[in-house]
């Protein structure tokens, strides 16, 4: 796996001399123990019985992980929310406008199978327990994928999850409505069971205190226009952004583990899109999972997702055991 990744990178990325690299980092990097100390007096609001609901399909959370990593992070985010509210109030006063509540938008990016959804669920649970922002909603950008029929029409079904497979205009309109303070905003619904958008089904977002937006390419920049016209990025609407990081070979192993787990559960339902994989034996299932990872998800990671890592304000680096080993926080 590392050899394939190195070969792919050498074909796609320009070679850079180490002498030309910037002599400083825009991030302050914390070890796990250093980061844990930043919890201060933040109370623990999650108990053992919450862990099953918050854990991922192949990632079992521990109270230690929440105490050492997520409580300090929730404290940091709470401070950012307060600062954003104060800045908005000052700006509204300057402009002579009435102060209306505007949702704080948190973006979470990273590869398939890296654990974005788990991080999003934990932060939602923790942030909703802070007194200043009890309403926290969560949305994934999967709902803004183009329907399978449209992907087939465009000949890009094999690139599902790549930037071009999303209805970016609709996602940008959704986020613009969120930041405008509209009372009720709707978003399309995606079914992982059917592997497609659910026709005529929507979810409603009702002006929360915090909105968490989780997705593969949410930090992806747009192409810069030659005439200087404004082209919004999804991340333009974020007040804070997090990138979930791990070595590509490790994420590939997690993808295979998840595939095998789904083969024993969701894939067994005859109505599931991937039901055809339920009857593979162990060797066939591993081979098929690795082929999907190499041909689609690894390529998307290297070409589109990984290059956006340093656009995040905070990077959580995971080890093979899913535990976060280090935290990088962008310097102000």
Protein backbone atom coordinates (compact mmCIF):
# COMPACT_ATOMS: atom_id res chain seq x y z
CA UNK A 1 0.00 0.00 0.00
CA UNK A 2 2.71 2.60 0.88
CA UNK A 3 4.55 1.78 -2.36
CA UNK A 4 1.39 2.32 -4.42
CA UNK A 5 0.70 5.58 -2.62
CA UNK A 6 4.26 6.83 -3.15
CA UNK A 7 4.09 5.94 -6.83
CA UNK A 8 0.73 7.68 -7.20
CA UNK A 9 2.00 10.81 -5.44
CA UNK A 10 5.10 10.97 -7.61
CA UNK A 11 2.88 10.99 -10.68
CA UNK A 12 0.54 13.67 -9.35
CA UNK A 13 2.52 16.02 -7.12
CA UNK A 14 5.51 18.20 -8.05
CA UNK A 15 8.79 17.35 -6.36
CA UNK A 16 9.90 19.99 -3.85
CA UNK A 17 13.39 20.44 -2.48
CA UNK A 18 13.54 20.46 1.30
CA UNK A 19 15.56 23.68 1.03
CA UNK A 20 12.54 25.45 -0.50
CA UNK A 21 10.15 24.55 2.33
CA UNK A 22 9.04 27.30 4.69
CA UNK A 23 11.17 27.32 7.86
CA UNK A 24 8.14 27.53 10.14
CA UNK A 25 4.83 25.78 10.72
CA UNK A 26 1.47 27.57 10.90
CA UNK A 27 0.44 25.04 13.58
CA UNK A 28 1.17 24.50 17.24
CA UNK A 29 1.48 20.73 17.70
CA UNK A 30 0.44 19.04 20.95
CA UNK A 31 1.06 15.52 22.12
CA UNK A 32 -1.90 13.63 23.52
CA UNK A 33 -0.85 14.38 27.10
CA UNK A 34 -0.17 18.05 26.40
CA UNK A 35 -3.57 18.46 24.80
CA UNK A 36 -5.34 16.64 27.64
CA UNK A 37 -4.10 19.26 30.13
CA UNK A 38 -6.02 21.95 28.21
CA UNK A 39 -9.30 20.48 29.42
CA UNK A 40 -8.93 22.72 32.53
CA UNK A 41 -12.13 22.41 34.57
CA UNK A 42 -14.40 21.38 31.69
CA UNK A 43 -16.92 18.95 33.23
CA UNK A 44 -17.35 15.43 31.87
CA UNK A 45 -20.91 15.25 30.52
CA UNK A 46 -20.78 11.88 28.76
CA UNK A 47 -21.24 8.62 30.65
CA UNK A 48 -20.40 5.02 29.78
CA UNK A 49 -23.88 4.21 28.48
CA UNK A 50 -23.49 6.93 25.80
CA UNK A 51 -20.46 5.24 24.21
CA UNK A 52 -22.31 2.66 22.10
CA UNK A 53 -24.43 5.38 20.52
CA UNK A 54 -21.42 7.59 19.76
CA UNK A 55 -18.95 4.92 18.60
CA UNK A 56 -18.44 4.08 14.94
CA UNK A 57 -18.94 0.77 13.16
CA UNK A 58 -15.30 -0.25 13.70
CA UNK A 59 -14.23 2.40 16.22
CA UNK A 60 -15.05 1.87 19.89
CA UNK A 61 -14.83 5.08 21.88
CA UNK A 62 -13.55 5.15 25.43
CA UNK A 63 -14.21 7.64 28.18
CA UNK A 64 -10.45 8.23 28.26
CA UNK A 65 -10.50 9.36 24.61
CA UNK A 66 -13.34 11.75 25.33
CA UNK A 67 -11.66 13.12 28.46
CA UNK A 68 -8.22 13.59 26.91
CA UNK A 69 -9.12 14.71 23.39
CA UNK A 70 -12.72 15.80 23.03
CA UNK A 71 -13.27 17.69 26.28
CA UNK A 72 -10.38 20.09 25.59
CA UNK A 73 -11.66 20.44 22.03
CA UNK A 74 -15.19 21.22 23.20
CA UNK A 75 -13.75 23.85 25.54
CA UNK A 76 -11.82 25.43 22.66
CA UNK A 77 -14.88 25.41 20.41
CA UNK A 78 -17.03 26.95 23.13
CA UNK A 79 -14.56 29.85 23.32
CA UNK A 80 -14.70 30.22 19.53
CA UNK A 81 -18.50 30.25 19.61
CA UNK A 82 -18.51 32.99 22.26
CA UNK A 83 -15.98 35.05 20.31
CA UNK A 84 -17.98 34.66 17.08
CA UNK A 85 -21.16 35.80 18.82
CA UNK A 86 -19.39 38.84 20.26
CA UNK A 87 -17.87 39.74 16.91
CA UNK A 88 -21.26 39.44 15.22
CA UNK A 89 -22.83 41.70 17.85
CA UNK A 90 -20.10 44.33 17.36
CA UNK A 91 -20.42 44.17 13.58
CA UNK A 92 -24.22 44.49 13.76
CA UNK A 93 -23.90 47.50 16.07
CA UNK A 94 -21.48 49.18 13.66
CA UNK A 95 -23.82 48.58 10.71
CA UNK A 96 -26.89 49.68 12.68
CA UNK A 97 -28.56 46.31 12.31
CA UNK A 98 -30.58 44.28 14.75
CA UNK A 99 -28.57 41.47 16.34
CA UNK A 100 -30.00 38.14 15.19
CA UNK A 101 -28.65 34.74 16.14
CA UNK A 102 -26.45 33.35 13.38
CA UNK A 103 -25.43 29.69 13.61
CA UNK A 104 -21.78 28.86 14.25
CA UNK A 105 -20.73 26.42 11.51
CA UNK A 106 -18.14 23.74 12.22
CA UNK A 107 -16.69 21.78 9.29
CA UNK A 108 -15.19 18.30 9.65
CA UNK A 109 -13.18 16.85 6.74
CA UNK A 110 -11.18 13.69 6.05
CA UNK A 111 -11.09 10.44 4.11
CA UNK A 112 -13.68 7.72 3.84
CA UNK A 113 -13.41 5.40 6.89
CA UNK A 114 -11.20 7.77 8.91
CA UNK A 115 -13.86 8.41 11.59
CA UNK A 116 -15.38 11.78 10.67
CA UNK A 117 -18.85 10.70 11.71
CA UNK A 118 -17.68 9.52 15.12
CA UNK A 119 -15.93 12.84 15.79
CA UNK A 120 -19.02 14.72 14.63
CA UNK A 121 -21.32 12.74 16.93
CA UNK A 122 -19.08 13.20 19.96
CA UNK A 123 -18.71 16.94 19.42
CA UNK A 124 -22.43 17.31 18.89
CA UNK A 125 -23.12 15.58 22.20
CA UNK A 126 -20.54 17.62 24.11
CA UNK A 127 -21.30 21.02 22.59
CA UNK A 128 -25.04 20.61 23.15
CA UNK A 129 -24.34 20.34 26.88
CA UNK A 130 -22.77 23.80 27.07
CA UNK A 131 -25.25 26.32 28.49
CA UNK A 132 -24.70 28.93 25.77
CA UNK A 133 -25.54 26.72 22.78
CA UNK A 134 -27.96 23.91 23.58
CA UNK A 135 -29.15 23.36 19.99
CA UNK A 136 -26.52 21.61 17.89
CA UNK A 137 -27.43 20.05 14.54
CA UNK A 138 -25.37 17.76 12.35
CA UNK A 139 -25.51 17.30 8.60
CA UNK A 140 -23.34 15.31 6.21
CA UNK A 141 -22.60 16.39 2.66
CA UNK A 142 -23.64 12.94 1.40
CA UNK A 143 -27.10 14.41 0.97
CA UNK A 144 -25.67 16.78 -1.62
CA UNK A 145 -24.30 14.04 -3.84
CA UNK A 146 -25.88 13.95 -7.28
CA UNK A 147 -28.44 11.12 -7.65
CA UNK A 148 -27.05 7.90 -9.11
CA UNK A 149 -29.08 8.38 -12.29
CA UNK A 150 -27.36 11.73 -12.87
CA UNK A 151 -23.94 10.30 -12.10
CA UNK A 152 -24.61 7.53 -14.62
CA UNK A 153 -25.77 10.08 -17.20
CA UNK A 154 -22.53 12.04 -16.76
CA UNK A 155 -20.40 8.89 -16.82
CA UNK A 156 -18.89 9.53 -13.38
CA UNK A 157 -20.55 6.86 -11.24
CA UNK A 158 -17.06 5.43 -10.62
CA UNK A 159 -16.04 8.82 -9.17
CA UNK A 160 -18.79 9.03 -6.59
CA UNK A 161 -17.44 11.00 -3.64
CA UNK A 162 -15.05 13.02 -5.82
CA UNK A 163 -15.68 16.79 -5.93
CA UNK A 164 -17.46 16.64 -9.30
CA UNK A 165 -20.04 14.16 -7.96
CA UNK A 166 -21.61 16.72 -5.61
CA UNK A 167 -24.31 19.30 -6.28
CA UNK A 168 -22.00 22.03 -5.01
CA UNK A 169 -24.34 24.86 -5.99
CA UNK A 170 -27.11 23.38 -3.83
CA UNK A 171 -24.70 22.87 -0.91
CA UNK A 172 -23.48 26.47 -1.16
CA UNK A 173 -27.07 27.73 -1.27
CA UNK A 174 -27.87 25.66 1.83
CA UNK A 175 -24.92 27.10 3.75
CA UNK A 176 -25.70 30.64 2.61
CA UNK A 177 -29.23 30.21 3.95
CA UNK A 178 -27.82 28.92 7.24
CA UNK A 179 -25.56 31.94 7.61
CA UNK A 180 -28.35 34.33 6.66
CA UNK A 181 -30.22 33.22 9.79
CA UNK A 182 -33.25 31.75 8.04
CA UNK A 183 -35.69 30.08 10.41
CA UNK A 184 -36.04 26.79 8.54
CA UNK A 185 -33.71 25.35 5.90
CA UNK A 186 -34.10 22.04 4.11
CA UNK A 187 -31.50 19.58 2.85
CA UNK A 188 -31.76 16.37 0.79
CA UNK A 189 -31.41 12.95 2.40
CA UNK A 190 -28.90 10.26 1.44
CA UNK A 191 -29.40 6.55 2.14
CA UNK A 192 -26.26 4.45 2.61
CA UNK A 193 -28.51 1.38 2.46
CA UNK A 194 -29.71 2.28 -1.04
CA UNK A 195 -26.45 4.11 -1.92
CA UNK A 196 -28.46 6.98 -3.38
CA UNK A 197 -30.38 10.17 -2.66
CA UNK A 198 -33.86 9.46 -1.27
CA UNK A 199 -36.40 11.03 -3.66
CA UNK A 200 -38.83 13.57 -2.18
CA UNK A 201 -37.34 13.27 1.31
CA UNK A 202 -35.77 16.19 3.16
CA UNK A 203 -34.48 17.09 6.59
CA UNK A 204 -35.11 20.45 8.19
CA UNK A 205 -32.56 22.58 10.02
CA UNK A 206 -34.16 25.19 12.26
CA UNK A 207 -31.49 27.84 12.93
CA UNK A 208 -29.38 25.97 15.51
CA UNK A 209 -26.76 27.53 17.74
CA UNK A 210 -24.14 25.32 16.09
CA UNK A 211 -24.27 23.39 12.83
CA UNK A 212 -21.70 20.64 12.23
CA UNK A 213 -21.07 19.93 8.54
CA UNK A 214 -19.21 16.66 7.92
CA UNK A 215 -17.92 15.56 4.53
CA UNK A 216 -15.04 14.38 2.36
CA UNK A 217 -14.32 17.52 0.40
CA UNK A 218 -15.64 20.35 2.56
CA UNK A 219 -12.23 22.06 2.59
CA UNK A 220 -11.83 21.81 -1.19
CA UNK A 221 -11.10 25.22 -2.76
CA UNK A 222 -12.77 26.34 -5.96
CA UNK A 223 -10.80 27.21 -9.09
CA UNK A 224 -9.72 30.83 -8.96
CA UNK A 225 -11.37 32.90 -11.71
CA UNK A 226 -9.12 34.82 -14.09
CA UNK A 227 -11.33 37.93 -13.92
CA UNK A 228 -11.26 38.12 -10.11
CA UNK A 229 -14.99 37.46 -9.63
CA UNK A 230 -15.98 35.91 -6.32
CA UNK A 231 -16.44 32.15 -6.31
CA UNK A 232 -17.47 30.90 -2.88
CA UNK A 233 -15.94 27.82 -1.27
CA UNK A 234 -17.89 25.57 1.07
CA UNK A 235 -15.33 26.41 3.75
CA UNK A 236 -16.08 30.14 3.37
CA UNK A 237 -19.11 29.47 5.55
CA UNK A 238 -17.15 27.72 8.31
CA UNK A 239 -16.30 29.41 11.58
CA UNK A 240 -13.95 26.57 12.47
CA UNK A 241 -12.71 23.50 10.62
CA UNK A 242 -11.24 20.14 11.66
CA UNK A 243 -9.37 17.59 9.54
CA UNK A 244 -9.31 13.96 10.72
CA UNK A 245 -5.95 12.52 9.68
CA UNK A 246 -4.25 9.10 9.58
CA UNK A 247 -1.72 7.37 7.38
CA UNK A 248 -3.33 6.28 4.07
CA UNK A 249 -2.29 2.66 4.58
CA UNK A 250 -3.94 2.64 8.00
CA UNK A 251 -7.15 4.15 6.62
CA UNK A 252 -7.14 1.48 3.91
CA UNK A 253 -7.02 -1.23 6.57
CA UNK A 254 -9.94 0.45 8.37
CA UNK A 255 -11.88 0.57 5.09
CA UNK A 256 -11.41 -3.20 4.67
CA UNK A 257 -12.50 -3.83 8.28
CA UNK A 258 -15.62 -1.74 7.75
CA UNK A 259 -16.41 -3.53 4.47
CA UNK A 260 -16.16 -6.91 6.22
CA UNK A 261 -18.38 -5.69 9.04
CA UNK A 262 -21.02 -4.45 6.60
CA UNK A 263 -20.83 -7.75 4.69
CA UNK A 264 -22.02 -9.44 7.88
CA UNK A 265 -24.73 -6.88 8.64
CA UNK A 266 -26.27 -4.35 6.24
CA UNK A 267 -25.17 -6.10 3.03
CA UNK A 268 -27.14 -9.22 3.99
CA UNK A 269 -30.45 -7.45 3.42
CA UNK A 270 -31.65 -8.29 -0.13
CA UNK A 271 -32.73 -4.70 -0.56
CA UNK A 272 -29.26 -3.28 0.08
CA UNK A 273 -27.39 -1.80 -2.87
CA UNK A 274 -24.29 -3.85 -1.98
CA UNK A 275 -26.16 -7.09 -1.26
CA UNK A 276 -24.10 -8.79 -4.00
CA UNK A 277 -21.06 -8.61 -1.72
CA UNK A 278 -22.75 -10.48 1.15
CA UNK A 279 -22.01 -13.85 -0.46
CA UNK A 280 -18.26 -13.33 -0.92
CA UNK A 281 -15.98 -15.49 1.15
CA UNK A 282 -13.38 -13.86 3.39
CA UNK A 283 -10.58 -13.82 0.82
CA UNK A 284 -12.86 -12.53 -1.94
CA UNK A 285 -14.30 -9.85 0.33
CA UNK A 286 -10.86 -8.57 1.37
CA UNK A 287 -9.67 -8.52 -2.24
CA UNK A 288 -12.77 -6.65 -3.39
CA UNK A 289 -12.55 -4.14 -0.54
CA UNK A 290 -8.89 -3.42 -1.27
CA UNK A 291 -9.62 -2.98 -4.97
CA UNK A 292 -12.38 -0.45 -4.21
CA UNK A 293 -10.07 1.34 -1.79
CA UNK A 294 -7.15 1.53 -4.25
CA UNK A 295 -9.12 2.46 -7.35
CA UNK A 296 -11.55 4.96 -5.83
CA UNK A 297 -11.08 6.04 -2.23
CA UNK A 298 -7.27 6.17 -2.10
CA UNK A 299 -7.21 8.12 -5.35
CA UNK A 300 -9.79 10.59 -4.01
CA UNK A 301 -7.79 10.93 -0.80
CA UNK A 302 -4.48 11.65 -2.53
CA UNK A 303 -5.85 13.87 -5.30
CA UNK A 304 -8.56 15.84 -3.51
CA UNK A 305 -8.81 15.35 0.26
CA UNK A 306 -5.26 15.17 1.61
CA UNK A 307 -4.17 18.39 -0.17
CA UNK A 308 -6.82 20.28 1.86
CA UNK A 309 -5.49 19.11 5.23
CA UNK A 310 -3.53 22.27 5.96
CA UNK A 311 -6.55 24.45 5.24
CA UNK A 312 -8.08 23.18 8.49
CA UNK A 313 -7.74 25.11 11.71
CA UNK A 314 -7.22 21.92 13.69
CA UNK A 315 -5.85 18.51 12.68
CA UNK A 316 -6.51 15.37 14.71
CA UNK A 317 -3.90 12.71 13.84
CA UNK A 318 -4.95 9.12 14.57
CA UNK A 319 -2.88 6.01 15.09
CA UNK A 320 -3.70 2.46 13.92
CA UNK A 321 -5.76 1.86 17.08
CA UNK A 322 -8.05 4.80 16.21
CA UNK A 323 -6.73 6.81 19.16
CA UNK A 324 -5.71 10.39 18.47
CA UNK A 325 -1.94 10.71 18.88
CA UNK A 326 -1.43 14.42 18.29
CA UNK A 327 -3.39 17.63 17.80
CA UNK A 328 -2.26 20.48 15.55
CA UNK A 329 -3.92 23.86 16.15
CA UNK A 330 -3.42 26.67 13.67
CA UNK A 331 -1.69 29.67 15.16
CA UNK A 332 -3.69 32.90 15.22
